[in-house]
Amino acid sequence: MENSLKNMEVLSAKETPMSLLNAHNTIKEITADLFTAEERRLSKVREHLIAANREQYPNRPHDGFTYKGKPYDPPNLISGKRVRVPLHPSLYDRMDNFLADESQIWTDRHQISQMLFSVLKSCESLQDIRDALPECLVGSLRYLRGLVRQRPPAYTLNTNPRILRQFEKLLPRIEFYSTARLLY
């Protein structure tokens, strides 16, 4: 027992296969980094909608609003009793645009997470992970930054042309979110 523990300590990440838990944690870390800017942008839009709604109801102090039965509060609101008013009809178009944007981002996040799982599930080392990821995502994982690419991105999908085509179709969205981090 002691000897096997000693051997496990000596094994490097290059010698240990990626477990499903590690794959999920890696994907979670990448997507959190990838969508931070969009989440920050959506939060600002929500705050602007709350402020615009307050202007429409100057004599009714409130924390947030409701729209189609769902509450929307400021992100820094301390728990406790909340006072909400309905969203003013003049803001419906802005709110519908916000919800469409939020829905698109959620869909993209889900699709990117699924694709990353397909790309990473067979990786057995840090070098494999680095090579499998597109260049725009390598920076999301600090422990990959020093590694040099040895194979083309998504090389793990070469045996499945259908999923490889899906990856190539999704790559512009991944690159978009990657660059959005620089904008917001």
Protein backbone atom coordinates (compact mmCIF):
# COMPACT_ATOMS: atom_id res chain seq x y z
CA MET A 1 0.00 0.00 0.00
CA GLU A 2 2.70 2.48 0.96
CA ASN A 3 4.68 1.66 -2.17
CA SER A 4 1.66 2.25 -4.46
CA LEU A 5 1.02 5.63 -2.81
CA LYS A 6 4.66 6.54 -3.36
CA ASN A 7 4.35 5.52 -7.03
CA MET A 8 1.21 7.63 -7.44
CA GLU A 9 3.03 10.67 -6.10
CA VAL A 10 5.81 10.16 -8.63
CA LEU A 11 3.44 9.86 -11.60
CA SER A 12 3.23 13.04 -13.58
CA ALA A 13 0.11 14.33 -15.30
CA LYS A 14 1.64 13.08 -18.52
CA GLU A 15 1.48 9.50 -17.27
CA THR A 16 -2.02 9.50 -15.79
CA PRO A 17 -5.13 9.28 -17.97
CA MET A 18 -7.72 12.01 -17.69
CA SER A 19 -10.66 10.85 -15.60
CA LEU A 20 -14.22 11.92 -16.35
CA LEU A 21 -14.16 14.07 -13.24
CA ASN A 22 -10.99 15.80 -14.40
CA ALA A 23 -12.48 16.29 -17.87
CA HIS A 24 -15.57 17.90 -16.37
CA ASN A 25 -13.48 20.10 -14.08
CA THR A 26 -11.27 21.15 -16.99
CA ILE A 27 -14.32 21.96 -19.13
CA LYS A 28 -15.89 23.87 -16.25
CA GLU A 29 -12.70 25.92 -15.82
CA ILE A 30 -12.48 26.67 -19.55
CA THR A 31 -16.14 27.65 -19.95
CA ALA A 32 -16.07 29.79 -16.80
CA ASP A 33 -13.12 31.71 -18.24
CA LEU A 34 -14.63 31.81 -21.73
CA PHE A 35 -18.00 33.23 -20.64
CA THR A 36 -16.92 35.57 -17.83
CA ALA A 37 -17.06 38.64 -20.04
CA GLU A 38 -20.48 37.77 -21.45
CA GLU A 39 -21.87 37.13 -17.97
CA ARG A 40 -20.46 40.47 -16.83
CA ARG A 41 -22.03 42.18 -19.86
CA LEU A 42 -25.42 40.55 -19.22
CA SER A 43 -25.24 41.59 -15.57
CA LYS A 44 -24.69 45.21 -16.65
CA VAL A 45 -27.64 45.03 -19.05
CA ARG A 46 -29.81 43.66 -16.22
CA GLU A 47 -28.65 46.50 -13.95
CA HIS A 48 -29.49 49.07 -16.65
CA LEU A 49 -32.95 47.53 -17.07
CA ILE A 50 -33.53 47.71 -13.31
CA ALA A 51 -32.40 51.35 -13.27
CA ALA A 52 -34.61 52.20 -16.27
CA ASN A 53 -37.55 50.50 -14.59
CA ARG A 54 -36.95 52.54 -11.40
CA GLU A 55 -37.19 55.71 -13.50
CA GLN A 56 -40.59 54.57 -14.75
CA TYR A 57 -41.87 54.12 -11.20
CA PRO A 58 -40.28 57.05 -9.29
CA ASN A 59 -42.87 57.01 -6.48
CA ARG A 60 -42.68 53.25 -5.84
CA PRO A 61 -39.36 52.25 -4.24
CA HIS A 62 -38.35 48.76 -5.28
CA ASP A 63 -35.36 46.43 -5.60
CA GLY A 64 -36.09 44.78 -8.91
CA PHE A 65 -38.88 43.82 -11.24
CA THR A 66 -40.82 40.86 -12.53
CA TYR A 67 -41.27 39.97 -16.16
CA LYS A 68 -43.43 37.09 -17.36
CA GLY A 69 -43.57 35.83 -13.79
CA LYS A 70 -39.82 35.72 -13.25
CA PRO A 71 -38.04 38.01 -10.76
CA TYR A 72 -35.03 40.11 -11.74
CA ASP A 73 -32.99 41.66 -8.94
CA PRO A 74 -29.68 43.51 -8.78
CA PRO A 75 -26.78 41.05 -8.44
CA ASN A 76 -25.53 42.61 -5.18
CA LEU A 77 -28.90 42.56 -3.42
CA ILE A 78 -28.61 41.25 0.14
CA SER A 79 -30.99 38.46 1.00
CA GLY A 80 -34.15 39.43 2.79
CA LYS A 81 -37.48 40.86 1.79
CA ARG A 82 -37.44 42.16 -1.76
CA VAL A 83 -39.83 44.63 -3.26
CA ARG A 84 -40.47 44.19 -6.97
CA VAL A 85 -42.74 45.88 -9.43
CA PRO A 86 -43.75 44.68 -12.89
CA LEU A 87 -41.46 45.66 -15.73
CA HIS A 88 -42.77 48.82 -17.34
CA PRO A 89 -44.26 48.12 -20.81
CA SER A 90 -41.91 50.66 -22.41
CA LEU A 91 -39.02 48.31 -21.54
CA TYR A 92 -40.49 45.09 -22.95
CA ASP A 93 -38.46 45.24 -26.19
CA ARG A 94 -35.20 45.77 -24.32
CA MET A 95 -36.05 42.93 -21.96
CA ASP A 96 -36.95 40.59 -24.83
CA ASN A 97 -33.60 41.39 -26.47
CA PHE A 98 -31.83 40.70 -23.16
CA LEU A 99 -33.62 37.35 -22.78
CA ALA A 100 -32.84 36.34 -26.37
CA ASP A 101 -29.18 37.23 -25.80
CA GLU A 102 -29.09 35.33 -22.51
CA SER A 103 -30.69 32.30 -24.13
CA GLN A 104 -28.20 32.31 -27.01
CA ILE A 105 -25.28 32.51 -24.61
CA TRP A 106 -26.67 29.63 -22.53
CA THR A 107 -27.12 27.53 -25.69
CA ASP A 108 -23.61 28.34 -26.90
CA ARG A 109 -22.15 27.52 -23.50
CA HIS A 110 -23.92 24.16 -23.48
CA GLN A 111 -22.82 23.30 -27.04
CA ILE A 112 -19.23 24.35 -26.38
CA SER A 113 -19.12 22.30 -23.17
CA GLN A 114 -20.40 19.23 -25.00
CA MET A 115 -17.87 19.70 -27.79
CA LEU A 116 -15.03 20.17 -25.32
CA PHE A 117 -15.98 16.90 -23.67
CA SER A 118 -15.77 15.15 -27.06
CA VAL A 119 -12.41 16.78 -27.72
CA LEU A 120 -10.90 16.07 -24.30
CA LYS A 121 -12.35 12.74 -23.21
CA SER A 122 -9.57 10.63 -24.73
CA CYS A 123 -6.71 12.86 -23.54
CA GLU A 124 -4.21 11.15 -21.30
CA SER A 125 -1.69 13.90 -20.60
CA LEU A 126 -1.33 17.64 -20.34
CA GLN A 127 0.30 17.62 -23.77
CA ASP A 128 -2.73 15.78 -25.18
CA ILE A 129 -5.06 18.39 -23.67
CA ARG A 130 -2.95 21.25 -24.97
CA ASP A 131 -2.87 19.80 -28.46
CA ALA A 132 -6.59 18.94 -28.50
CA LEU A 133 -7.73 22.44 -27.54
CA PRO A 134 -7.93 25.25 -30.08
CA GLU A 135 -5.28 27.90 -29.52
CA CYS A 136 -7.78 30.44 -28.20
CA LEU A 137 -8.60 28.19 -25.21
CA VAL A 138 -5.11 27.17 -24.16
CA GLY A 139 -4.67 30.36 -22.15
CA SER A 140 -7.70 29.45 -20.02
CA LEU A 141 -5.64 26.75 -18.33
CA ARG A 142 -2.52 28.25 -16.77
CA TYR A 143 -0.80 24.86 -16.55
CA LEU A 144 -0.85 24.51 -20.36
CA ARG A 145 0.69 27.87 -21.23
CA GLY A 146 4.28 26.62 -21.35
CA LEU A 147 3.57 23.64 -23.59
CA VAL A 148 4.21 23.83 -27.35
CA ARG A 149 1.65 22.40 -29.77
CA GLN A 150 2.70 19.10 -31.34
CA ARG A 151 -0.54 18.10 -33.13
CA PRO A 152 -3.37 20.00 -34.82
CA PRO A 153 -6.31 21.22 -32.71
CA ALA A 154 -9.07 18.65 -32.18
CA TYR A 155 -6.76 15.85 -33.32
CA THR A 156 -8.74 13.59 -30.95
CA LEU A 157 -11.73 13.86 -33.32
CA ASN A 158 -9.88 12.68 -36.44
CA THR A 159 -11.52 9.24 -36.19
CA ASN A 160 -15.01 10.79 -36.21
CA PRO A 161 -15.47 13.08 -39.22
CA ARG A 162 -19.02 14.06 -38.26
CA ILE A 163 -18.00 15.41 -34.84
CA LEU A 164 -14.91 17.01 -36.37
CA ARG A 165 -17.17 18.93 -38.80
CA GLN A 166 -19.34 20.01 -35.84
CA PHE A 167 -16.21 21.21 -34.06
CA GLU A 168 -15.12 23.20 -37.11
CA LYS A 169 -18.60 24.73 -37.33
CA LEU A 170 -18.55 25.67 -33.63
CA LEU A 171 -14.97 26.98 -33.60
CA PRO A 172 -15.92 30.52 -34.77
CA ARG A 173 -18.31 30.82 -31.78
CA ILE A 174 -15.53 29.66 -29.44
CA GLU A 175 -13.17 32.22 -30.98
CA PHE A 176 -15.84 34.93 -30.68
CA TYR A 177 -16.28 34.34 -26.94
CA SER A 178 -12.54 34.11 -26.53
CA THR A 179 -12.05 37.55 -28.04
CA ALA A 180 -15.08 38.98 -26.21
CA ARG A 181 -13.03 38.66 -23.02
CA LEU A 182 -10.79 41.38 -24.44
CA LEU A 183 -13.71 43.69 -25.25
CA TYR A 184 -15.69 43.75 -22.00
